[in-house]
Amino acid sequence: MRSSWYWIGFGGFGLGTTWMLKGMAIAQTLPNTAAPVAQFTWPQAIFLGAVQGLTEFLPISSTAHLKAVPVFLGWGDPGSAFSAVIQLGSIAAVLWYFWQDITDLSRDAIAAIQQSDYQDQSFRIVLGIAVGTLPIVFFGILLKAFVPDFDNSPLRSMTAIAIASIVMAILLGLAEQLGSRKKGFDDLNAKTGVLMGFAQALALIPGVSRSGSTITAGLFQGLERSTAARFSFLLGLPAITLAGIVEFIGVLQEGLSSSQGIPLLVGTLSSAIFSYLAIAWLIEFLKRQSTWVFVWYRLLFGIVILGAIAIGWF
């Protein structure tokens, strides 16, 4: 019976990897209805890259801030294409910061497969990341197929972002209050990846926050705060990479002028630098502090947006 579960685990690992590749291929066969990349000056792009980098890994939603901040400043909505492409800078930051972890996990997981040691901790973590990526790939394809004009859909409205921010603040507060915070990195497994993977899929709704939803799910499962954050970043690696590459290919298909390309490049570089700083700071912060500062920030952020809508600022 145990060997059957090992083969199920091995199959899940293979299925997760296959679906990530198929997801990219399927997404590219769908109609390309993405809006053109927004026009920004390179100083504006550096600033937006900083917003992306600082908020991608903090549990406060980079998508919400990338829409709300430039709209508030009168620059207009950057759109999902610009936002997704500069996320590639965040991916570079994750690879940069976690390179040793990634290489160690990959090497040990491959060795475990070769030795049929499916109880190996590294194999179970990699399996959790692979299988945990399936939900966001699946629902992301559905979203692209059935909500072609996503930039202008109600899901991406400022009202939806505000409500999502408030709801997720409440959930994060409950997780902080109820979570036991006794499980460390050695306690991670495929089940952890699946549950946090479904939470990650919620981040397809702007304002939810990918790191916020996954850290919340991790805390509900009893993970230590810093462990929940570390695994959240590793779990997000395939999903953010896939989204960024798909949107980047779409941008290239639409055509990219030099006036668009340079701001996109500097925005991506800015995103990489500030993402690295945010990752390093958050992991150290959560070793000593709770997540309540993000709970109150998200509540205030949502209330301010609703107030701005009410008085006509948005």
C-alpha atoms as a PDB file:
ATOM      1  CA  MET A   1       0.000   0.000   0.000  1.00  0.00           C
ATOM      2  CA  ARG A   2       2.856   2.353   0.844  1.00  0.00           C
ATOM      3  CA  SER A   3       4.474   1.736  -2.549  1.00  0.00           C
ATOM      4  CA  SER A   4       1.178   2.646  -4.218  1.00  0.00           C
ATOM      5  CA  TRP A   5       1.261   6.020  -2.518  1.00  0.00           C
ATOM      6  CA  TYR A   6       4.862   6.512  -3.587  1.00  0.00           C
ATOM      7  CA  TRP A   7       3.858   5.972  -7.204  1.00  0.00           C
ATOM      8  CA  ILE A   8       0.915   8.326  -6.771  1.00  0.00           C
ATOM      9  CA  GLY A   9       3.371  10.919  -5.434  1.00  0.00           C
ATOM     10  CA  PHE A  10       5.765  10.330  -8.322  1.00  0.00           C
ATOM     11  CA  GLY A  11       2.864  10.606 -10.771  1.00  0.00           C
ATOM     12  CA  GLY A  12       1.719  13.839  -9.138  1.00  0.00           C
ATOM     13  CA  PHE A  13       5.194  15.307  -9.511  1.00  0.00           C
ATOM     14  CA  GLY A  14       5.239  14.421 -13.203  1.00  0.00           C
ATOM     15  CA  LEU A  15       1.687  15.651 -13.683  1.00  0.00           C
ATOM     16  CA  GLY A  16       2.472  18.977 -12.054  1.00  0.00           C
ATOM     17  CA  THR A  17       5.491  19.561 -14.278  1.00  0.00           C
ATOM     18  CA  THR A  18       3.602  18.482 -17.411  1.00  0.00           C
ATOM     19  CA  TRP A  19       0.650  20.728 -16.664  1.00  0.00           C
ATOM     20  CA  MET A  20       2.872  23.751 -16.181  1.00  0.00           C
ATOM     21  CA  LEU A  21       4.273  23.221 -19.674  1.00  0.00           C
ATOM     22  CA  LYS A  22       0.878  22.416 -21.184  1.00  0.00           C
ATOM     23  CA  GLY A  23      -0.619  25.448 -19.480  1.00  0.00           C
ATOM     24  CA  MET A  24       1.753  27.740 -21.333  1.00  0.00           C
ATOM     25  CA  ALA A  25       1.032  26.005 -24.634  1.00  0.00           C
ATOM     26  CA  ILE A  26      -2.755  26.081 -24.179  1.00  0.00           C
ATOM     27  CA  ALA A  27      -2.716  29.724 -23.109  1.00  0.00           C
ATOM     28  CA  GLN A  28      -0.912  30.652 -26.301  1.00  0.00           C
ATOM     29  CA  THR A  29      -3.572  28.925 -28.450  1.00  0.00           C
ATOM     30  CA  LEU A  30      -6.297  31.123 -26.987  1.00  0.00           C
ATOM     31  CA  PRO A  31      -7.200  34.408 -28.679  1.00  0.00           C
ATOM     32  CA  ASN A  32      -4.725  37.143 -27.849  1.00  0.00           C
ATOM     33  CA  THR A  33      -6.995  39.814 -26.446  1.00  0.00           C
ATOM     34  CA  ALA A  34      -4.544  41.465 -24.085  1.00  0.00           C
ATOM     35  CA  ALA A  35      -4.457  45.242 -24.062  1.00  0.00           C
ATOM     36  CA  PRO A  36      -1.349  46.921 -25.488  1.00  0.00           C
ATOM     37  CA  VAL A  37       1.418  47.739 -23.031  1.00  0.00           C
ATOM     38  CA  ALA A  38       0.717  51.092 -21.403  1.00  0.00           C
ATOM     39  CA  GLN A  39       2.972  54.040 -22.229  1.00  0.00           C
ATOM     40  CA  PHE A  40       5.127  55.270 -19.359  1.00  0.00           C
ATOM     41  CA  THR A  41       8.299  57.322 -19.094  1.00  0.00           C
ATOM     42  CA  TRP A  42      11.290  55.428 -17.734  1.00  0.00           C
ATOM     43  CA  PRO A  43      11.225  57.293 -14.377  1.00  0.00           C
ATOM     44  CA  GLN A  44       7.573  56.271 -14.016  1.00  0.00           C
ATOM     45  CA  ALA A  45       8.516  52.701 -14.951  1.00  0.00           C
ATOM     46  CA  ILE A  46      11.262  52.648 -12.286  1.00  0.00           C
ATOM     47  CA  PHE A  47       8.730  53.816  -9.710  1.00  0.00           C
ATOM     48  CA  LEU A  48       6.160  51.212 -10.794  1.00  0.00           C
ATOM     49  CA  GLY A  49       8.875  48.546 -10.737  1.00  0.00           C
ATOM     50  CA  ALA A  50       9.592  49.529  -7.142  1.00  0.00           C
ATOM     51  CA  VAL A  51       5.878  49.299  -6.313  1.00  0.00           C
ATOM     52  CA  GLN A  52       5.746  45.853  -7.928  1.00  0.00           C
ATOM     53  CA  GLY A  53       8.895  44.647  -6.191  1.00  0.00           C
ATOM     54  CA  LEU A  54       7.962  45.899  -2.735  1.00  0.00           C
ATOM     55  CA  THR A  55       4.400  44.565  -2.855  1.00  0.00           C
ATOM     56  CA  GLU A  56       4.799  41.265  -4.776  1.00  0.00           C
ATOM     57  CA  PHE A  57       6.109  39.368  -1.779  1.00  0.00           C
ATOM     58  CA  LEU A  58       4.572  41.366   1.037  1.00  0.00           C
ATOM     59  CA  PRO A  59       1.041  40.061   1.761  1.00  0.00           C
ATOM     60  CA  ILE A  60      -0.649  43.230   0.479  1.00  0.00           C
ATOM     61  CA  SER A  61      -1.234  42.521  -3.276  1.00  0.00           C
ATOM     62  CA  SER A  62       1.087  43.874  -5.948  1.00  0.00           C
ATOM     63  CA  THR A  63      -1.713  43.828  -8.546  1.00  0.00           C
ATOM     64  CA  ALA A  64      -3.885  46.070  -6.397  1.00  0.00           C
ATOM     65  CA  HIS A  65      -1.073  48.544  -5.806  1.00  0.00           C
ATOM     66  CA  LEU A  66       0.077  48.508  -9.441  1.00  0.00           C
ATOM     67  CA  LYS A  67      -3.409  49.587 -10.446  1.00  0.00           C
ATOM     68  CA  ALA A  68      -4.345  51.860  -7.543  1.00  0.00           C
ATOM     69  CA  VAL A  69      -1.078  53.822  -7.199  1.00  0.00           C
ATOM     70  CA  PRO A  70      -0.658  54.959 -10.845  1.00  0.00           C
ATOM     71  CA  VAL A  71      -4.406  55.658 -11.145  1.00  0.00           C
ATOM     72  CA  PHE A  72      -4.218  57.755  -7.969  1.00  0.00           C
ATOM     73  CA  LEU A  73      -1.205  59.634  -9.435  1.00  0.00           C
ATOM     74  CA  GLY A  74      -3.107  60.268 -12.676  1.00  0.00           C
ATOM     75  CA  TRP A  75      -0.916  58.002 -14.829  1.00  0.00           C
ATOM     76  CA  GLY A  76      -3.699  55.591 -15.742  1.00  0.00           C
ATOM     77  CA  ASP A  77      -4.053  51.822 -15.351  1.00  0.00           C
ATOM     78  CA  PRO A  78      -0.857  49.989 -16.441  1.00  0.00           C
ATOM     79  CA  GLY A  79      -2.952  46.951 -17.453  1.00  0.00           C
ATOM     80  CA  SER A  80      -2.345  43.280 -16.781  1.00  0.00           C
ATOM     81  CA  ALA A  81       0.263  42.903 -19.578  1.00  0.00           C
ATOM     82  CA  PHE A  82       2.643  45.526 -18.154  1.00  0.00           C
ATOM     83  CA  SER A  83       2.085  44.216 -14.623  1.00  0.00           C
ATOM     84  CA  ALA A  84       2.733  40.582 -15.565  1.00  0.00           C
ATOM     85  CA  VAL A  85       5.875  41.281 -17.603  1.00  0.00           C
ATOM     86  CA  ILE A  86       7.643  43.310 -14.906  1.00  0.00           C
ATOM     87  CA  GLN A  87       6.853  40.420 -12.538  1.00  0.00           C
ATOM     88  CA  LEU A  88       9.714  38.648 -14.324  1.00  0.00           C
ATOM     89  CA  GLY A  89      11.968  40.897 -12.271  1.00  0.00           C
ATOM     90  CA  SER A  90      10.388  39.418  -9.145  1.00  0.00           C
ATOM     91  CA  ILE A  91      11.137  35.933 -10.470  1.00  0.00           C
ATOM     92  CA  ALA A  92      14.782  36.889 -10.944  1.00  0.00           C
ATOM     93  CA  ALA A  93      14.830  38.081  -7.324  1.00  0.00           C
ATOM     94  CA  VAL A  94      13.408  34.779  -6.024  1.00  0.00           C
ATOM     95  CA  LEU A  95      16.000  32.822  -8.013  1.00  0.00           C
ATOM     96  CA  TRP A  96      18.715  35.136  -6.740  1.00  0.00           C
ATOM     97  CA  TYR A  97      17.708  34.913  -3.081  1.00  0.00           C
ATOM     98  CA  PHE A  98      16.748  31.222  -2.969  1.00  0.00           C
ATOM     99  CA  TRP A  99      19.308  29.870  -5.460  1.00  0.00           C
ATOM    100  CA  GLN A 100      20.987  27.628  -2.885  1.00  0.00           C
ATOM    101  CA  ASP A 101      17.636  26.319  -1.611  1.00  0.00           C
ATOM    102  CA  ILE A 102      16.433  25.663  -5.166  1.00  0.00           C
ATOM    103  CA  THR A 103      19.592  23.816  -6.211  1.00  0.00           C
ATOM    104  CA  ASP A 104      19.663  21.758  -2.986  1.00  0.00           C
ATOM    105  CA  LEU A 105      15.971  20.821  -3.271  1.00  0.00           C
ATOM    106  CA  SER A 106      16.314  19.922  -6.960  1.00  0.00           C
ATOM    107  CA  ARG A 107      19.452  17.809  -6.429  1.00  0.00           C
ATOM    108  CA  ASP A 108      18.045  15.988  -3.411  1.00  0.00           C
ATOM    109  CA  ALA A 109      14.646  15.403  -5.048  1.00  0.00           C
ATOM    110  CA  ILE A 110      16.274  13.892  -8.160  1.00  0.00           C
ATOM    111  CA  ALA A 111      18.437  11.673  -5.949  1.00  0.00           C
ATOM    112  CA  ALA A 112      15.333  10.574  -4.015  1.00  0.00           C
ATOM    113  CA  ILE A 113      13.529   9.625  -7.237  1.00  0.00           C
ATOM    114  CA  GLN A 114      16.553   7.631  -8.411  1.00  0.00           C
ATOM    115  CA  GLN A 115      16.617   5.787  -5.076  1.00  0.00           C
ATOM    116  CA  SER A 116      12.802   5.408  -4.926  1.00  0.00           C
ATOM    117  CA  ASP A 117      12.890   7.253  -1.597  1.00  0.00           C
ATOM    118  CA  TYR A 118       9.541   9.018  -1.862  1.00  0.00           C
ATOM    119  CA  GLN A 119       9.524   9.918   1.825  1.00  0.00           C
ATOM    120  CA  ASP A 120      12.559  12.164   1.313  1.00  0.00           C
ATOM    121  CA  GLN A 121      11.796  15.653   2.589  1.00  0.00           C
ATOM    122  CA  SER A 122      13.164  17.450  -0.478  1.00  0.00           C
ATOM    123  CA  PHE A 123      11.092  15.251  -2.793  1.00  0.00           C
ATOM    124  CA  ARG A 124       7.957  15.985  -0.767  1.00  0.00           C
ATOM    125  CA  ILE A 125       8.596  19.742  -0.897  1.00  0.00           C
ATOM    126  CA  VAL A 126       9.236  19.713  -4.663  1.00  0.00           C
ATOM    127  CA  LEU A 127       6.145  17.537  -5.126  1.00  0.00           C
ATOM    128  CA  GLY A 128       4.139  20.053  -3.094  1.00  0.00           C
ATOM    129  CA  ILE A 129       5.352  22.920  -5.289  1.00  0.00           C
ATOM    130  CA  ALA A 130       4.599  21.037  -8.526  1.00  0.00           C
ATOM    131  CA  VAL A 131       1.133  19.827  -7.514  1.00  0.00           C
ATOM    132  CA  GLY A 132       0.382  23.106  -5.743  1.00  0.00           C
ATOM    133  CA  THR A 133       0.901  24.957  -9.024  1.00  0.00           C
ATOM    134  CA  LEU A 134      -1.888  23.014 -10.770  1.00  0.00           C
ATOM    135  CA  PRO A 135      -4.842  25.027  -9.368  1.00  0.00           C
ATOM    136  CA  ILE A 136      -3.590  28.432 -10.519  1.00  0.00           C
ATOM    137  CA  VAL A 137      -2.627  27.037 -13.953  1.00  0.00           C
ATOM    138  CA  PHE A 138      -6.057  25.437 -14.371  1.00  0.00           C
ATOM    139  CA  PHE A 139      -8.079  28.448 -13.212  1.00  0.00           C
ATOM    140  CA  GLY A 140      -5.755  30.847 -15.025  1.00  0.00           C
ATOM    141  CA  ILE A 141      -6.492  29.100 -18.333  1.00  0.00           C
ATOM    142  CA  LEU A 142     -10.225  29.208 -17.582  1.00  0.00           C
ATOM    143  CA  LEU A 143      -9.976  32.914 -16.801  1.00  0.00           C
ATOM    144  CA  LYS A 144      -8.109  33.642 -20.031  1.00  0.00           C
ATOM    145  CA  ALA A 145     -10.632  31.604 -22.020  1.00  0.00           C
ATOM    146  CA  PHE A 146     -13.859  32.931 -20.507  1.00  0.00           C
ATOM    147  CA  VAL A 147     -12.901  36.480 -19.481  1.00  0.00           C
ATOM    148  CA  PRO A 148     -11.056  37.693 -22.602  1.00  0.00           C
ATOM    149  CA  ASP A 149     -11.291  41.405 -21.726  1.00  0.00           C
ATOM    150  CA  PHE A 150      -9.956  40.903 -18.219  1.00  0.00           C
ATOM    151  CA  ASP A 151      -8.457  44.402 -17.902  1.00  0.00           C
ATOM    152  CA  ASN A 152     -11.960  45.865 -18.113  1.00  0.00           C
ATOM    153  CA  SER A 153     -13.827  43.143 -16.249  1.00  0.00           C
ATOM    154  CA  PRO A 154     -15.588  43.757 -12.906  1.00  0.00           C
ATOM    155  CA  LEU A 155     -13.011  41.457 -11.260  1.00  0.00           C
ATOM    156  CA  ARG A 156     -10.341  44.079 -11.923  1.00  0.00           C
ATOM    157  CA  SER A 157     -12.392  47.081 -10.807  1.00  0.00           C
ATOM    158  CA  MET A 158     -11.244  49.260  -7.944  1.00  0.00           C
ATOM    159  CA  THR A 159     -14.309  48.231  -5.943  1.00  0.00           C
ATOM    160  CA  ALA A 160     -13.431  44.535  -6.317  1.00  0.00           C
ATOM    161  CA  ILE A 161      -9.824  45.245  -5.320  1.00  0.00           C
ATOM    162  CA  ALA A 162     -10.947  47.107  -2.196  1.00  0.00           C
ATOM    163  CA  ILE A 163     -13.358  44.365  -1.138  1.00  0.00           C
ATOM    164  CA  ALA A 164     -10.750  41.646  -1.762  1.00  0.00           C
ATOM    165  CA  SER A 165      -8.197  43.557   0.309  1.00  0.00           C
ATOM    166  CA  ILE A 166     -10.586  43.874   3.261  1.00  0.00           C
ATOM    167  CA  VAL A 167     -11.716  40.224   3.104  1.00  0.00           C
ATOM    168  CA  MET A 168      -8.137  38.944   2.921  1.00  0.00           C
ATOM    169  CA  ALA A 169      -7.137  41.207   5.812  1.00  0.00           C
ATOM    170  CA  ILE A 170      -9.813  39.577   7.945  1.00  0.00           C
ATOM    171  CA  LEU A 171      -8.695  36.067   6.903  1.00  0.00           C
ATOM    172  CA  LEU A 172      -5.034  36.865   7.610  1.00  0.00           C
ATOM    173  CA  GLY A 173      -6.033  38.192  11.027  1.00  0.00           C
ATOM    174  CA  LEU A 174      -7.940  34.971  11.774  1.00  0.00           C
ATOM    175  CA  ALA A 175      -4.979  32.865  10.633  1.00  0.00           C
ATOM    176  CA  GLU A 176      -2.645  34.883  12.837  1.00  0.00           C
ATOM    177  CA  GLN A 177      -4.995  34.412  15.778  1.00  0.00           C
ATOM    178  CA  LEU A 178      -5.818  30.717  15.279  1.00  0.00           C
ATOM    179  CA  GLY A 179      -2.622  29.259  13.767  1.00  0.00           C
ATOM    180  CA  SER A 180      -0.397  27.235  16.069  1.00  0.00           C
ATOM    181  CA  ARG A 181       2.840  28.296  14.298  1.00  0.00           C
ATOM    182  CA  LYS A 182       4.649  25.110  15.400  1.00  0.00           C
ATOM    183  CA  LYS A 183       5.597  23.584  12.021  1.00  0.00           C
ATOM    184  CA  GLY A 184       8.938  24.395  10.429  1.00  0.00           C
ATOM    185  CA  PHE A 185      10.382  23.878   6.950  1.00  0.00           C
ATOM    186  CA  ASP A 186      11.050  20.194   7.686  1.00  0.00           C
ATOM    187  CA  ASP A 187       7.311  19.626   8.213  1.00  0.00           C
ATOM    188  CA  LEU A 188       6.343  20.666   4.677  1.00  0.00           C
ATOM    189  CA  ASN A 189       4.773  18.039   2.404  1.00  0.00           C
ATOM    190  CA  ALA A 190       2.586  17.595  -0.668  1.00  0.00           C
ATOM    191  CA  LYS A 191      -0.589  18.310   1.324  1.00  0.00           C
ATOM    192  CA  THR A 192       0.845  21.672   2.350  1.00  0.00           C
ATOM    193  CA  GLY A 193       1.549  22.457  -1.309  1.00  0.00           C
ATOM    194  CA  VAL A 194      -1.940  21.464  -2.472  1.00  0.00           C
ATOM    195  CA  LEU A 195      -3.768  23.529   0.152  1.00  0.00           C
ATOM    196  CA  MET A 196      -1.531  26.556  -0.339  1.00  0.00           C
ATOM    197  CA  GLY A 197      -1.818  25.994  -4.106  1.00  0.00           C
ATOM    198  CA  PHE A 198      -5.604  26.400  -3.998  1.00  0.00           C
ATOM    199  CA  ALA A 199      -5.131  29.514  -1.881  1.00  0.00           C
ATOM    200  CA  GLN A 200      -2.662  30.805  -4.485  1.00  0.00           C
ATOM    201  CA  ALA A 201      -5.310  30.420  -7.199  1.00  0.00           C
ATOM    202  CA  LEU A 202      -7.428  33.028  -5.390  1.00  0.00           C
ATOM    203  CA  ALA A 203      -4.750  35.574  -6.321  1.00  0.00           C
ATOM    204  CA  LEU A 204      -6.095  35.555  -9.888  1.00  0.00           C
ATOM    205  CA  ILE A 205      -8.558  38.047  -8.405  1.00  0.00           C
ATOM    206  CA  PRO A 206      -6.700  41.374  -8.086  1.00  0.00           C
ATOM    207  CA  GLY A 207      -6.471  42.566  -4.512  1.00  0.00           C
ATOM    208  CA  VAL A 208      -6.260  39.084  -2.994  1.00  0.00           C
ATOM    209  CA  SER A 209      -2.420  38.923  -3.017  1.00  0.00           C
ATOM    210  CA  ARG A 210      -0.645  35.718  -3.980  1.00  0.00           C
ATOM    211  CA  SER A 211       1.757  35.877  -1.060  1.00  0.00           C
ATOM    212  CA  GLY A 212      -1.039  37.014   1.248  1.00  0.00           C
ATOM    213  CA  SER A 213      -3.341  34.129   0.381  1.00  0.00           C
ATOM    214  CA  THR A 214      -0.602  31.493   0.576  1.00  0.00           C
ATOM    215  CA  ILE A 215       0.892  32.808   3.823  1.00  0.00           C
ATOM    216  CA  THR A 216      -2.636  32.890   5.278  1.00  0.00           C
ATOM    217  CA  ALA A 217      -3.187  29.266   4.218  1.00  0.00           C
ATOM    218  CA  GLY A 218       0.178  28.307   5.680  1.00  0.00           C
ATOM    219  CA  LEU A 219      -0.630  29.916   9.022  1.00  0.00           C
ATOM    220  CA  PHE A 220      -3.986  28.140   9.129  1.00  0.00           C
ATOM    221  CA  GLN A 221      -2.053  24.861   8.700  1.00  0.00           C
ATOM    222  CA  GLY A 222       0.124  25.669  11.702  1.00  0.00           C
ATOM    223  CA  LEU A 223       3.296  26.783   9.904  1.00  0.00           C
ATOM    224  CA  GLU A 224       5.724  29.212  11.473  1.00  0.00           C
ATOM    225  CA  ARG A 225       5.416  32.664   9.925  1.00  0.00           C
ATOM    226  CA  SER A 226       8.844  32.679   8.264  1.00  0.00           C
ATOM    227  CA  THR A 227       8.343  29.104   6.999  1.00  0.00           C
ATOM    228  CA  ALA A 228       4.977  30.057   5.475  1.00  0.00           C
ATOM    229  CA  ALA A 229       6.661  33.010   3.755  1.00  0.00           C
ATOM    230  CA  ARG A 230       9.619  30.954   2.434  1.00  0.00           C
ATOM    231  CA  PHE A 231       7.378  28.247   1.014  1.00  0.00           C
ATOM    232  CA  SER A 232       5.024  30.888  -0.398  1.00  0.00           C
ATOM    233  CA  PHE A 233       7.909  32.399  -2.384  1.00  0.00           C
ATOM    234  CA  LEU A 234       9.086  29.004  -3.678  1.00  0.00           C
ATOM    235  CA  LEU A 235       5.520  27.956  -4.531  1.00  0.00           C
ATOM    236  CA  GLY A 236       4.985  31.172  -6.477  1.00  0.00           C
ATOM    237  CA  LEU A 237       8.075  30.652  -8.644  1.00  0.00           C
ATOM    238  CA  PRO A 238       6.418  28.482 -11.360  1.00  0.00           C
ATOM    239  CA  ALA A 239       3.137  30.441 -11.341  1.00  0.00           C
ATOM    240  CA  ILE A 240       4.648  33.923 -11.646  1.00  0.00           C
ATOM    241  CA  THR A 241       7.132  32.698 -14.257  1.00  0.00           C
ATOM    242  CA  LEU A 242       4.374  31.137 -16.341  1.00  0.00           C
ATOM    243  CA  ALA A 243       2.192  34.263 -16.146  1.00  0.00           C
ATOM    244  CA  GLY A 244       5.086  36.562 -17.008  1.00  0.00           C
ATOM    245  CA  ILE A 245       6.272  34.479 -19.972  1.00  0.00           C
ATOM    246  CA  VAL A 246       2.743  34.104 -21.399  1.00  0.00           C
ATOM    247  CA  GLU A 247       2.130  37.856 -21.177  1.00  0.00           C
ATOM    248  CA  PHE A 248       5.608  38.651 -22.532  1.00  0.00           C
ATOM    249  CA  ILE A 249       4.995  36.445 -25.572  1.00  0.00           C
ATOM    250  CA  GLY A 250       1.655  38.182 -26.053  1.00  0.00           C
ATOM    251  CA  VAL A 251       3.356  41.582 -25.862  1.00  0.00           C
ATOM    252  CA  LEU A 252       5.922  40.527 -28.494  1.00  0.00           C
ATOM    253  CA  GLN A 253       3.117  39.290 -30.756  1.00  0.00           C
ATOM    254  CA  GLU A 254       1.374  42.657 -30.440  1.00  0.00           C
ATOM    255  CA  GLY A 255       4.618  44.431 -31.278  1.00  0.00           C
ATOM    256  CA  LEU A 256       6.758  46.508 -28.942  1.00  0.00           C
ATOM    257  CA  SER A 257       8.138  49.934 -29.843  1.00  0.00           C
ATOM    258  CA  SER A 258      11.328  51.334 -28.318  1.00  0.00           C
ATOM    259  CA  SER A 259       9.233  53.869 -26.390  1.00  0.00           C
ATOM    260  CA  GLN A 260       7.478  50.926 -24.745  1.00  0.00           C
ATOM    261  CA  GLY A 261      10.423  48.526 -24.528  1.00  0.00           C
ATOM    262  CA  ILE A 262      12.826  50.747 -22.570  1.00  0.00           C
ATOM    263  CA  PRO A 263      10.339  51.567 -19.782  1.00  0.00           C
ATOM    264  CA  LEU A 264       9.372  47.887 -19.638  1.00  0.00           C
ATOM    265  CA  LEU A 265      13.038  46.905 -19.278  1.00  0.00           C
ATOM    266  CA  VAL A 266      13.879  49.438 -16.566  1.00  0.00           C
ATOM    267  CA  GLY A 267      10.636  48.593 -14.768  1.00  0.00           C
ATOM    268  CA  THR A 268      11.602  44.922 -14.746  1.00  0.00           C
ATOM    269  CA  LEU A 269      15.103  45.705 -13.421  1.00  0.00           C
ATOM    270  CA  SER A 270      13.633  47.943 -10.732  1.00  0.00           C
ATOM    271  CA  SER A 271      11.190  45.171  -9.824  1.00  0.00           C
ATOM    272  CA  ALA A 272      14.064  42.684  -9.415  1.00  0.00           C
ATOM    273  CA  ILE A 273      16.032  44.924  -7.059  1.00  0.00           C
ATOM    274  CA  PHE A 274      13.108  45.891  -4.843  1.00  0.00           C
ATOM    275  CA  SER A 275      11.704  42.341  -4.840  1.00  0.00           C
ATOM    276  CA  TYR A 276      14.994  41.038  -3.463  1.00  0.00           C
ATOM    277  CA  LEU A 277      14.970  43.662  -0.723  1.00  0.00           C
ATOM    278  CA  ALA A 278      11.346  42.852   0.141  1.00  0.00           C
ATOM    279  CA  ILE A 279      12.008  39.090   0.349  1.00  0.00           C
ATOM    280  CA  ALA A 280      15.036  39.523   2.599  1.00  0.00           C
ATOM    281  CA  TRP A 281      13.239  41.998   4.853  1.00  0.00           C
ATOM    282  CA  LEU A 282       9.983  40.013   5.177  1.00  0.00           C
ATOM    283  CA  ILE A 283      11.637  36.719   6.127  1.00  0.00           C
ATOM    284  CA  GLU A 284      13.686  38.396   8.843  1.00  0.00           C
ATOM    285  CA  PHE A 285      10.685  40.452  10.002  1.00  0.00           C
ATOM    286  CA  LEU A 286       8.437  37.393  10.360  1.00  0.00           C
ATOM    287  CA  LYS A 287      11.037  35.615  12.484  1.00  0.00           C
ATOM    288  CA  ARG A 288      10.427  38.224  15.187  1.00  0.00           C
ATOM    289  CA  GLN A 289       7.088  39.899  14.456  1.00  0.00           C
ATOM    290  CA  SER A 290       3.486  38.976  13.643  1.00  0.00           C
ATOM    291  CA  THR A 291       1.539  39.767  10.458  1.00  0.00           C
ATOM    292  CA  TRP A 292      -0.822  42.215  12.188  1.00  0.00           C
ATOM    293  CA  VAL A 293       0.834  45.228  10.559  1.00  0.00           C
ATOM    294  CA  PHE A 294      -0.233  43.825   7.158  1.00  0.00           C
ATOM    295  CA  VAL A 295      -3.733  43.057   8.427  1.00  0.00           C
ATOM    296  CA  TRP A 296      -4.287  46.668   9.508  1.00  0.00           C
ATOM    297  CA  TYR A 297      -2.612  48.012   6.363  1.00  0.00           C
ATOM    298  CA  ARG A 298      -4.870  45.925   4.105  1.00  0.00           C
ATOM    299  CA  LEU A 299      -7.979  47.021   5.986  1.00  0.00           C
ATOM    300  CA  LEU A 300      -6.944  50.671   5.683  1.00  0.00           C
ATOM    301  CA  PHE A 301      -5.987  50.240   2.008  1.00  0.00           C
ATOM    302  CA  GLY A 302      -9.412  48.792   1.153  1.00  0.00           C
ATOM    303  CA  ILE A 303     -11.296  51.418   3.142  1.00  0.00           C
ATOM    304  CA  VAL A 304      -9.326  54.265   1.542  1.00  0.00           C
ATOM    305  CA  ILE A 305     -10.094  52.936  -1.957  1.00  0.00           C
ATOM    306  CA  LEU A 306     -13.811  52.625  -1.143  1.00  0.00           C
ATOM    307  CA  GLY A 307     -13.745  56.156   0.252  1.00  0.00           C
ATOM    308  CA  ALA A 308     -11.951  57.443  -2.862  1.00  0.00           C
ATOM    309  CA  ILE A 309     -14.588  55.786  -5.057  1.00  0.00           C
ATOM    310  CA  ALA A 310     -17.367  57.316  -2.967  1.00  0.00           C
ATOM    311  CA  ILE A 311     -16.054  60.869  -3.400  1.00  0.00           C
ATOM    312  CA  GLY A 312     -15.198  60.394  -7.061  1.00  0.00           C
ATOM    313  CA  TRP A 313     -11.397  60.183  -6.982  1.00  0.00           C
ATOM    314  CA  PHE A 314     -11.489  56.888  -8.923  1.00  0.00           C
END
